[in-house]
Amino acid sequence: MWYYARTICVLLLGLALSASAAAQQLRIGYVDMKQVLDNAPQVISGRAKLDQEFRSRNDAIEMDEMRAEALDLRLQQADISSDSRIQTEREVRELRRNVSRRKEDLRDELSFRRTEEVQRLEEQINIAVQEIAQRNGFDLIISSPVIYANPNLDITDLILEQLEVEYAADQLELGSN
């Protein structure tokens, strides 16, 4: 899908560039979406919320890992009886299997929730890009990934500033409710 969209953008850009040679100067901007998704305050706040949401489950997994390590240390001691050793080995295997399964479940759920958060923010990011483009007279905005963009075309900082303003306004609005 990206391939087709990129091909269409390149074709449109080529047409626009050739048409603009006879007409006005085409104004193009570039947005580094990775930088936006790494640094936008909405994304950072979302990450913190997810961390808070999943922290207790992660802590429980870490506690079980420490318990398994403690049981391993106990097995290395020579003063443990044969029956106790067999029982402890079984407990360690079960505990490690359980930890592994819970880690995978947590990783899958966290990945799903991160994707949800990014999708929720896509519209807000797109609106910010459109507002900056209109306010600054851009004819075309291209987002990453691109093969090359002249750094003079990069408007990523403008987008981040717009998102920071929107985030601050949202926080004020939430605080007044």
N, C-alpha and C. Protein backbone atom coordinates (compact mmCIF):
# COMPACT_ATOMS: atom_id res chain seq x y z
N MET A 1 0.82 -1.18 0.00
CA MET A 1 0.00 0.00 0.00
C MET A 1 0.87 1.25 0.00
N TRP A 2 1.93 1.26 0.85
CA TRP A 2 2.84 2.40 0.88
C TRP A 2 3.52 2.57 -0.47
N TYR A 3 3.83 1.43 -1.12
CA TYR A 3 4.52 1.50 -2.40
C TYR A 3 3.67 2.25 -3.41
N TYR A 4 2.39 1.90 -3.48
CA TYR A 4 1.50 2.57 -4.43
C TYR A 4 1.32 4.05 -4.08
N ALA A 5 1.15 4.32 -2.79
CA ALA A 5 0.99 5.71 -2.37
C ALA A 5 2.24 6.52 -2.68
N ARG A 6 3.40 5.93 -2.45
CA ARG A 6 4.65 6.62 -2.73
C ARG A 6 4.82 6.82 -4.23
N THR A 7 4.48 5.81 -5.03
CA THR A 7 4.57 5.93 -6.48
C THR A 7 3.66 7.04 -6.99
N ILE A 8 2.45 7.08 -6.47
CA ILE A 8 1.50 8.13 -6.87
C ILE A 8 2.04 9.49 -6.47
N CYS A 9 2.59 9.59 -5.24
CA CYS A 9 3.15 10.87 -4.79
C CYS A 9 4.30 11.31 -5.69
N VAL A 10 5.15 10.38 -6.07
CA VAL A 10 6.28 10.71 -6.94
C VAL A 10 5.78 11.19 -8.30
N LEU A 11 4.77 10.49 -8.83
CA LEU A 11 4.22 10.90 -10.12
C LEU A 11 3.57 12.28 -10.03
N LEU A 12 2.79 12.48 -8.98
CA LEU A 12 2.16 13.78 -8.80
C LEU A 12 3.21 14.87 -8.59
N LEU A 13 4.24 14.55 -7.85
CA LEU A 13 5.31 15.51 -7.63
C LEU A 13 5.99 15.86 -8.95
N GLY A 14 6.24 14.86 -9.76
CA GLY A 14 6.85 15.10 -11.08
C GLY A 14 5.98 15.98 -11.95
N LEU A 15 4.69 15.67 -11.94
CA LEU A 15 3.76 16.49 -12.73
C LEU A 15 3.70 17.91 -12.18
N ALA A 16 3.64 18.00 -10.87
CA ALA A 16 3.56 19.33 -10.26
C ALA A 16 4.83 20.14 -10.54
N LEU A 17 5.97 19.48 -10.47
CA LEU A 17 7.23 20.18 -10.72
C LEU A 17 7.32 20.67 -12.16
N SER A 18 6.89 19.82 -13.10
CA SER A 18 6.96 20.24 -14.50
C SER A 18 5.94 21.35 -14.79
N ALA A 19 4.78 21.27 -14.16
CA ALA A 19 3.76 22.30 -14.36
C ALA A 19 4.18 23.60 -13.68
N SER A 20 4.85 23.46 -12.54
CA SER A 20 5.21 24.67 -11.81
C SER A 20 6.37 25.42 -12.46
N ALA A 21 7.11 24.77 -13.32
CA ALA A 21 8.20 25.47 -14.00
C ALA A 21 7.64 26.64 -14.79
N ALA A 22 6.46 26.45 -15.38
CA ALA A 22 5.83 27.52 -16.14
C ALA A 22 5.00 28.42 -15.24
N ALA A 23 4.59 27.91 -14.10
CA ALA A 23 3.74 28.70 -13.20
C ALA A 23 4.54 29.15 -11.98
N GLN A 24 3.93 29.07 -10.82
CA GLN A 24 4.57 29.53 -9.59
C GLN A 24 5.51 28.49 -9.02
N GLN A 25 6.27 28.90 -8.04
CA GLN A 25 7.19 28.01 -7.34
C GLN A 25 6.39 27.09 -6.42
N LEU A 26 6.62 25.79 -6.51
CA LEU A 26 5.95 24.81 -5.67
C LEU A 26 6.66 24.76 -4.32
N ARG A 27 5.90 24.85 -3.25
CA ARG A 27 6.49 24.83 -1.90
C ARG A 27 6.24 23.45 -1.29
N ILE A 28 7.33 22.75 -0.97
CA ILE A 28 7.28 21.38 -0.47
C ILE A 28 7.87 21.32 0.93
N GLY A 29 7.27 20.52 1.76
CA GLY A 29 7.80 20.28 3.10
C GLY A 29 7.93 18.79 3.35
N TYR A 30 8.75 18.46 4.32
CA TYR A 30 8.99 17.06 4.67
C TYR A 30 8.81 16.89 6.17
N VAL A 31 8.16 15.79 6.58
CA VAL A 31 7.96 15.48 8.00
C VAL A 31 8.57 14.12 8.30
N ASP A 32 9.47 14.08 9.26
CA ASP A 32 10.07 12.83 9.72
C ASP A 32 9.12 12.22 10.76
N MET A 33 8.29 11.28 10.33
CA MET A 33 7.26 10.72 11.20
C MET A 33 7.85 9.94 12.37
N LYS A 34 9.01 9.32 12.17
CA LYS A 34 9.64 8.61 13.28
C LYS A 34 9.97 9.59 14.40
N GLN A 35 10.52 10.74 14.02
CA GLN A 35 10.85 11.75 15.02
C GLN A 35 9.58 12.27 15.70
N VAL A 36 8.53 12.46 14.93
CA VAL A 36 7.26 12.92 15.52
C VAL A 36 6.73 11.87 16.50
N LEU A 37 6.75 10.59 16.08
CA LEU A 37 6.22 9.53 16.94
C LEU A 37 7.12 9.25 18.14
N ASP A 38 8.38 9.65 18.08
CA ASP A 38 9.28 9.48 19.22
C ASP A 38 9.18 10.65 20.20
N ASN A 39 8.84 11.85 19.70
CA ASN A 39 8.97 13.05 20.52
C ASN A 39 7.69 13.84 20.78
N ALA A 40 6.61 13.52 20.13
CA ALA A 40 5.37 14.26 20.37
C ALA A 40 4.91 14.03 21.82
N PRO A 41 4.50 15.08 22.50
CA PRO A 41 4.10 14.92 23.91
C PRO A 41 2.92 13.96 24.08
N GLN A 42 2.05 13.89 23.09
CA GLN A 42 0.92 12.96 23.16
C GLN A 42 1.42 11.51 23.20
N VAL A 43 2.45 11.24 22.41
CA VAL A 43 3.01 9.89 22.34
C VAL A 43 3.75 9.58 23.64
N ILE A 44 4.52 10.54 24.13
CA ILE A 44 5.27 10.34 25.38
C ILE A 44 4.30 10.09 26.54
N SER A 45 3.23 10.86 26.58
CA SER A 45 2.21 10.68 27.62
C SER A 45 1.55 9.31 27.49
N GLY A 46 1.26 8.91 26.26
CA GLY A 46 0.66 7.59 26.03
C GLY A 46 1.57 6.47 26.49
N ARG A 47 2.87 6.62 26.23
CA ARG A 47 3.84 5.61 26.69
C ARG A 47 3.84 5.51 28.21
N ALA A 48 3.79 6.66 28.87
CA ALA A 48 3.78 6.67 30.34
C ALA A 48 2.52 5.98 30.87
N LYS A 49 1.39 6.23 30.22
CA LYS A 49 0.14 5.57 30.64
C LYS A 49 0.22 4.06 30.46
N LEU A 50 0.79 3.64 29.32
CA LEU A 50 0.94 2.20 29.08
C LEU A 50 1.89 1.58 30.10
N ASP A 51 2.97 2.29 30.40
CA ASP A 51 3.92 1.79 31.40
C ASP A 51 3.21 1.59 32.73
N GLN A 52 2.40 2.56 33.10
CA GLN A 52 1.65 2.48 34.36
C GLN A 52 0.66 1.31 34.31
N GLU A 53 -0.01 1.17 33.18
CA GLU A 53 -1.02 0.12 33.01
C GLU A 53 -0.42 -1.28 33.13
N PHE A 54 0.78 -1.46 32.61
CA PHE A 54 1.38 -2.79 32.56
C PHE A 54 2.42 -3.04 33.65
N ARG A 55 2.70 -2.02 34.46
CA ARG A 55 3.77 -2.14 35.46
C ARG A 55 3.52 -3.27 36.46
N SER A 56 2.31 -3.38 36.99
CA SER A 56 2.06 -4.40 38.02
C SER A 56 2.26 -5.81 37.47
N ARG A 57 1.82 -6.05 36.24
CA ARG A 57 2.02 -7.37 35.64
C ARG A 57 3.50 -7.64 35.40
N ASN A 58 4.23 -6.63 34.95
CA ASN A 58 5.66 -6.79 34.73
C ASN A 58 6.39 -7.05 36.05
N ASP A 59 6.00 -6.32 37.09
CA ASP A 59 6.61 -6.52 38.41
C ASP A 59 6.35 -7.93 38.93
N ALA A 60 5.14 -8.44 38.72
CA ALA A 60 4.80 -9.79 39.16
C ALA A 60 5.66 -10.83 38.43
N ILE A 61 5.88 -10.60 37.14
CA ILE A 61 6.73 -11.51 36.36
C ILE A 61 8.16 -11.47 36.89
N GLU A 62 8.66 -10.27 37.16
CA GLU A 62 10.02 -10.14 37.69
C GLU A 62 10.16 -10.82 39.05
N MET A 63 9.14 -10.72 39.88
CA MET A 63 9.17 -11.40 41.19
C MET A 63 9.24 -12.91 41.01
N ASP A 64 8.48 -13.45 40.06
CA ASP A 64 8.52 -14.89 39.81
C ASP A 64 9.88 -15.30 39.25
N GLU A 65 10.50 -14.45 38.43
CA GLU A 65 11.84 -14.76 37.93
C GLU A 65 12.84 -14.81 39.08
N MET A 66 12.73 -13.87 40.01
CA MET A 66 13.64 -13.88 41.17
C MET A 66 13.38 -15.11 42.04
N ARG A 67 12.13 -15.51 42.16
CA ARG A 67 11.79 -16.70 42.93
C ARG A 67 12.40 -17.94 42.29
N ALA A 68 12.35 -18.02 40.95
CA ALA A 68 12.95 -19.15 40.23
C ALA A 68 14.47 -19.18 40.44
N GLU A 69 15.09 -18.01 40.42
CA GLU A 69 16.54 -17.93 40.66
C GLU A 69 16.88 -18.39 42.08
N ALA A 70 16.07 -17.99 43.03
CA ALA A 70 16.29 -18.40 44.42
C ALA A 70 16.16 -19.91 44.55
N LEU A 71 15.18 -20.48 43.87
CA LEU A 71 15.01 -21.93 43.91
C LEU A 71 16.20 -22.63 43.24
N ASP A 72 16.71 -22.05 42.16
CA ASP A 72 17.91 -22.60 41.51
C ASP A 72 19.09 -22.61 42.47
N LEU A 73 19.25 -21.53 43.22
CA LEU A 73 20.34 -21.47 44.20
C LEU A 73 20.16 -22.54 45.28
N ARG A 74 18.92 -22.74 45.66
CA ARG A 74 18.63 -23.77 46.68
C ARG A 74 19.00 -25.16 46.15
N LEU A 75 18.74 -25.38 44.86
CA LEU A 75 19.08 -26.68 44.26
C LEU A 75 20.59 -26.91 44.22
N GLN A 76 21.36 -25.85 44.15
CA GLN A 76 22.82 -25.98 44.09
C GLN A 76 23.42 -26.34 45.44
N GLN A 77 22.64 -26.17 46.49
CA GLN A 77 23.13 -26.53 47.83
C GLN A 77 23.07 -28.05 48.01
N ALA A 78 24.03 -28.57 48.69
CA ALA A 78 24.13 -30.03 48.85
C ALA A 78 23.22 -30.57 49.95
N ASP A 79 22.68 -29.73 50.78
CA ASP A 79 21.91 -30.20 51.94
C ASP A 79 20.44 -30.47 51.65
N ILE A 80 20.05 -30.53 50.38
CA ILE A 80 18.65 -30.75 50.03
C ILE A 80 18.42 -32.24 49.78
N SER A 81 17.32 -32.77 50.30
CA SER A 81 17.03 -34.21 50.14
C SER A 81 16.61 -34.51 48.71
N SER A 82 16.66 -35.77 48.36
CA SER A 82 16.33 -36.20 46.99
C SER A 82 14.89 -35.88 46.64
N ASP A 83 13.97 -36.17 47.55
CA ASP A 83 12.55 -35.87 47.29
C ASP A 83 12.32 -34.37 47.16
N SER A 84 12.94 -33.61 48.02
CA SER A 84 12.82 -32.16 47.98
C SER A 84 13.42 -31.60 46.69
N ARG A 85 14.54 -32.18 46.26
CA ARG A 85 15.20 -31.76 45.03
C ARG A 85 14.27 -31.96 43.83
N ILE A 86 13.65 -33.11 43.74
CA ILE A 86 12.74 -33.42 42.63
C ILE A 86 11.57 -32.45 42.63
N GLN A 87 11.01 -32.21 43.80
CA GLN A 87 9.88 -31.29 43.93
C GLN A 87 10.30 -29.86 43.55
N THR A 88 11.46 -29.43 43.99
CA THR A 88 11.94 -28.08 43.69
C THR A 88 12.26 -27.93 42.20
N GLU A 89 12.86 -28.95 41.60
CA GLU A 89 13.14 -28.91 40.15
C GLU A 89 11.85 -28.77 39.35
N ARG A 90 10.83 -29.54 39.76
CA ARG A 90 9.53 -29.47 39.09
C ARG A 90 8.93 -28.07 39.26
N GLU A 91 9.04 -27.52 40.45
CA GLU A 91 8.52 -26.18 40.72
C GLU A 91 9.23 -25.12 39.87
N VAL A 92 10.56 -25.25 39.74
CA VAL A 92 11.34 -24.30 38.93
C VAL A 92 10.91 -24.38 37.47
N ARG A 93 10.79 -25.61 36.94
CA ARG A 93 10.37 -25.77 35.53
C ARG A 93 9.00 -25.15 35.29
N GLU A 94 8.06 -25.43 36.19
CA GLU A 94 6.72 -24.87 36.07
C GLU A 94 6.72 -23.34 36.14
N LEU A 95 7.50 -22.84 37.08
CA LEU A 95 7.59 -21.40 37.27
C LEU A 95 8.20 -20.73 36.03
N ARG A 96 9.27 -21.30 35.49
CA ARG A 96 9.91 -20.72 34.30
C ARG A 96 8.98 -20.78 33.08
N ARG A 97 8.25 -21.88 32.93
CA ARG A 97 7.29 -22.00 31.83
C ARG A 97 6.19 -20.94 31.96
N ASN A 98 5.70 -20.78 33.18
CA ASN A 98 4.66 -19.80 33.46
C ASN A 98 5.17 -18.38 33.19
N VAL A 99 6.38 -18.08 33.62
CA VAL A 99 6.97 -16.76 33.40
C VAL A 99 7.13 -16.50 31.91
N SER A 100 7.61 -17.49 31.19
CA SER A 100 7.80 -17.34 29.75
C SER A 100 6.48 -17.05 29.03
N ARG A 101 5.46 -17.79 29.39
CA ARG A 101 4.13 -17.60 28.79
C ARG A 101 3.57 -16.21 29.13
N ARG A 102 3.69 -15.81 30.39
CA ARG A 102 3.19 -14.50 30.80
C ARG A 102 3.96 -13.37 30.13
N LYS A 103 5.27 -13.53 29.97
CA LYS A 103 6.08 -12.51 29.28
C LYS A 103 5.61 -12.34 27.84
N GLU A 104 5.39 -13.46 27.17
CA GLU A 104 4.93 -13.40 25.77
C GLU A 104 3.55 -12.75 25.68
N ASP A 105 2.66 -13.11 26.57
CA ASP A 105 1.32 -12.50 26.59
C ASP A 105 1.42 -10.99 26.83
N LEU A 106 2.24 -10.60 27.78
CA LEU A 106 2.42 -9.19 28.10
C LEU A 106 3.01 -8.44 26.91
N ARG A 107 4.01 -9.02 26.28
CA ARG A 107 4.64 -8.39 25.11
C ARG A 107 3.63 -8.21 23.98
N ASP A 108 2.82 -9.24 23.73
CA ASP A 108 1.80 -9.15 22.67
C ASP A 108 0.76 -8.08 22.98
N GLU A 109 0.28 -8.07 24.21
CA GLU A 109 -0.74 -7.09 24.59
C GLU A 109 -0.19 -5.67 24.57
N LEU A 110 1.04 -5.50 25.02
CA LEU A 110 1.68 -4.19 25.01
C LEU A 110 1.87 -3.69 23.58
N SER A 111 2.29 -4.58 22.70
CA SER A 111 2.46 -4.21 21.29
C SER A 111 1.13 -3.79 20.68
N PHE A 112 0.08 -4.53 20.98
CA PHE A 112 -1.25 -4.20 20.47
C PHE A 112 -1.70 -2.84 20.98
N ARG A 113 -1.50 -2.58 22.27
CA ARG A 113 -1.93 -1.30 22.86
C ARG A 113 -1.12 -0.13 22.31
N ARG A 114 0.19 -0.34 22.06
CA ARG A 114 1.01 0.72 21.47
C ARG A 114 0.49 1.06 20.09
N THR A 115 0.18 0.05 19.32
CA THR A 115 -0.37 0.27 17.97
C THR A 115 -1.68 1.03 18.06
N GLU A 116 -2.52 0.68 19.01
CA GLU A 116 -3.78 1.41 19.22
C GLU A 116 -3.54 2.88 19.53
N GLU A 117 -2.58 3.15 20.42
CA GLU A 117 -2.26 4.52 20.80
C GLU A 117 -1.77 5.33 19.59
N VAL A 118 -0.90 4.74 18.79
CA VAL A 118 -0.37 5.45 17.62
C VAL A 118 -1.49 5.71 16.62
N GLN A 119 -2.36 4.73 16.39
CA GLN A 119 -3.47 4.92 15.46
C GLN A 119 -4.42 6.02 15.95
N ARG A 120 -4.61 6.07 17.26
CA ARG A 120 -5.47 7.10 17.84
C ARG A 120 -4.89 8.49 17.60
N LEU A 121 -3.56 8.59 17.60
CA LEU A 121 -2.90 9.88 17.43
C LEU A 121 -2.68 10.27 15.97
N GLU A 122 -2.79 9.32 15.05
CA GLU A 122 -2.54 9.60 13.64
C GLU A 122 -3.38 10.76 13.11
N GLU A 123 -4.66 10.75 13.44
CA GLU A 123 -5.54 11.82 12.96
C GLU A 123 -5.10 13.17 13.49
N GLN A 124 -4.75 13.23 14.77
CA GLN A 124 -4.31 14.48 15.37
C GLN A 124 -3.01 14.95 14.71
N ILE A 125 -2.11 14.06 14.42
CA ILE A 125 -0.85 14.41 13.77
C ILE A 125 -1.13 14.91 12.35
N ASN A 126 -2.00 14.21 11.64
CA ASN A 126 -2.34 14.63 10.27
C ASN A 126 -2.98 16.02 10.25
N ILE A 127 -3.84 16.29 11.21
CA ILE A 127 -4.46 17.62 11.28
C ILE A 127 -3.41 18.69 11.56
N ALA A 128 -2.46 18.38 12.45
CA ALA A 128 -1.39 19.34 12.76
C ALA A 128 -0.55 19.60 11.51
N VAL A 129 -0.26 18.57 10.74
CA VAL A 129 0.51 18.74 9.50
C VAL A 129 -0.26 19.63 8.52
N GLN A 130 -1.56 19.37 8.38
CA GLN A 130 -2.37 20.18 7.47
C GLN A 130 -2.43 21.64 7.91
N GLU A 131 -2.57 21.87 9.20
CA GLU A 131 -2.63 23.25 9.70
C GLU A 131 -1.32 23.98 9.43
N ILE A 132 -0.20 23.33 9.70
CA ILE A 132 1.11 23.94 9.46
C ILE A 132 1.29 24.21 7.97
N ALA A 133 0.89 23.26 7.14
CA ALA A 133 1.02 23.42 5.69
C ALA A 133 0.21 24.61 5.20
N GLN A 134 -1.01 24.73 5.64
CA GLN A 134 -1.86 25.83 5.20
C GLN A 134 -1.36 27.17 5.74
N ARG A 135 -0.98 27.19 7.01
CA ARG A 135 -0.51 28.42 7.63
C ARG A 135 0.77 28.94 6.99
N ASN A 136 1.62 28.03 6.54
CA ASN A 136 2.91 28.41 5.99
C ASN A 136 2.97 28.34 4.47
N GLY A 137 1.85 28.13 3.82
CA GLY A 137 1.78 28.17 2.36
C GLY A 137 2.46 27.01 1.64
N PHE A 138 2.44 25.83 2.22
CA PHE A 138 3.01 24.67 1.54
C PHE A 138 2.00 24.09 0.56
N ASP A 139 2.50 23.65 -0.58
CA ASP A 139 1.65 23.02 -1.58
C ASP A 139 1.62 21.50 -1.42
N LEU A 140 2.70 20.96 -0.86
CA LEU A 140 2.83 19.51 -0.74
C LEU A 140 3.68 19.19 0.48
N ILE A 141 3.19 18.24 1.29
CA ILE A 141 3.96 17.75 2.44
C ILE A 141 4.17 16.26 2.22
N ILE A 142 5.42 15.85 2.34
CA ILE A 142 5.79 14.44 2.19
C ILE A 142 6.24 13.95 3.57
N SER A 143 5.82 12.74 3.92
CA SER A 143 6.27 12.19 5.20
C SER A 143 7.20 11.01 4.95
N SER A 144 7.96 10.68 5.97
CA SER A 144 8.89 9.56 5.86
C SER A 144 8.08 8.27 5.76
N PRO A 145 8.60 7.26 5.15
CA PRO A 145 9.96 7.13 4.65
C PRO A 145 10.10 7.67 3.22
N VAL A 146 11.15 8.39 3.00
CA VAL A 146 11.54 8.84 1.66
C VAL A 146 13.02 8.51 1.50
N ILE A 147 13.46 8.45 0.28
CA ILE A 147 14.86 8.13 0.03
C ILE A 147 15.74 9.31 0.43
N TYR A 148 15.31 10.50 0.07
CA TYR A 148 16.10 11.68 0.40
C TYR A 148 15.19 12.90 0.49
N ALA A 149 15.47 13.73 1.45
CA ALA A 149 14.80 15.03 1.57
C ALA A 149 15.85 16.03 2.02
N ASN A 150 15.93 17.11 1.31
CA ASN A 150 16.85 18.19 1.68
C ASN A 150 16.46 18.68 3.06
N PRO A 151 17.42 18.85 3.96
CA PRO A 151 17.10 19.32 5.31
C PRO A 151 16.35 20.65 5.33
N ASN A 152 16.50 21.44 4.30
CA ASN A 152 15.77 22.72 4.24
C ASN A 152 14.27 22.51 4.09
N LEU A 153 13.86 21.34 3.66
CA LEU A 153 12.44 21.04 3.49
C LEU A 153 11.80 20.51 4.78
N ASP A 154 12.62 20.14 5.75
CA ASP A 154 12.15 19.49 6.97
C ASP A 154 11.35 20.45 7.84
N ILE A 155 10.07 20.13 8.05
CA ILE A 155 9.20 20.93 8.91
C ILE A 155 8.80 20.15 10.17
N THR A 156 9.55 19.10 10.47
CA THR A 156 9.23 18.25 11.62
C THR A 156 9.15 19.05 12.91
N ASP A 157 10.09 19.98 13.11
CA ASP A 157 10.06 20.78 14.34
C ASP A 157 8.79 21.63 14.44
N LEU A 158 8.33 22.13 13.31
CA LEU A 158 7.07 22.90 13.33
C LEU A 158 5.90 22.02 13.75
N ILE A 159 5.89 20.79 13.26
CA ILE A 159 4.82 19.85 13.60
C ILE A 159 4.88 19.53 15.10
N LEU A 160 6.08 19.28 15.60
CA LEU A 160 6.23 18.98 17.02
C LEU A 160 5.79 20.16 17.89
N GLU A 161 6.13 21.37 17.46
CA GLU A 161 5.69 22.56 18.21
C GLU A 161 4.17 22.65 18.22
N GLN A 162 3.54 22.39 17.08
CA GLN A 162 2.07 22.42 17.00
C GLN A 162 1.47 21.37 17.92
N LEU A 163 2.04 20.18 17.93
CA LEU A 163 1.53 19.11 18.78
C LEU A 163 1.73 19.45 20.26
N GLU A 164 2.82 20.12 20.59
CA GLU A 164 3.04 20.55 21.97
C GLU A 164 2.00 21.57 22.41
N VAL A 165 1.68 22.51 21.52
CA VAL A 165 0.65 23.50 21.83
C VAL A 165 -0.70 22.80 22.04
N GLU A 166 -1.04 21.88 21.16
CA GLU A 166 -2.31 21.15 21.29
C GLU A 166 -2.34 20.33 22.57
N TYR A 167 -1.21 19.70 22.89
CA TYR A 167 -1.14 18.89 24.11
C TYR A 167 -1.34 19.77 25.35
N ALA A 168 -0.67 20.92 25.37
CA ALA A 168 -0.81 21.84 26.51
C ALA A 168 -2.26 22.30 26.64
N ALA A 169 -2.89 22.60 25.50
CA ALA A 169 -4.29 23.03 25.53
C ALA A 169 -5.19 21.91 26.05
N ASP A 170 -4.93 20.69 25.61
CA ASP A 170 -5.71 19.54 26.09
C ASP A 170 -5.54 19.36 27.60
N GLN A 171 -4.31 19.53 28.10
CA GLN A 171 -4.05 19.38 29.52
C GLN A 171 -4.76 20.46 30.33
N LEU A 172 -4.77 21.68 29.80
CA LEU A 172 -5.49 22.76 30.48
C LEU A 172 -6.98 22.47 30.53
N GLU A 173 -7.49 21.96 29.42
CA GLU A 173 -8.92 21.64 29.33
C GLU A 173 -9.27 20.53 30.30
N LEU A 174 -8.41 19.51 30.40
CA LEU A 174 -8.65 18.41 31.34
C LEU A 174 -8.57 18.89 32.78
N GLY A 175 -7.65 19.82 33.03
CA GLY A 175 -7.49 20.36 34.38
C GLY A 175 -8.65 21.20 34.83
N SER A 176 -9.33 21.83 33.88
CA SER A 176 -10.46 22.69 34.24
C SER A 176 -11.75 21.90 34.39
N ASN A 177 -11.75 20.65 33.97
CA ASN A 177 -12.96 19.81 34.09
C ASN A 177 -13.06 19.15 35.41
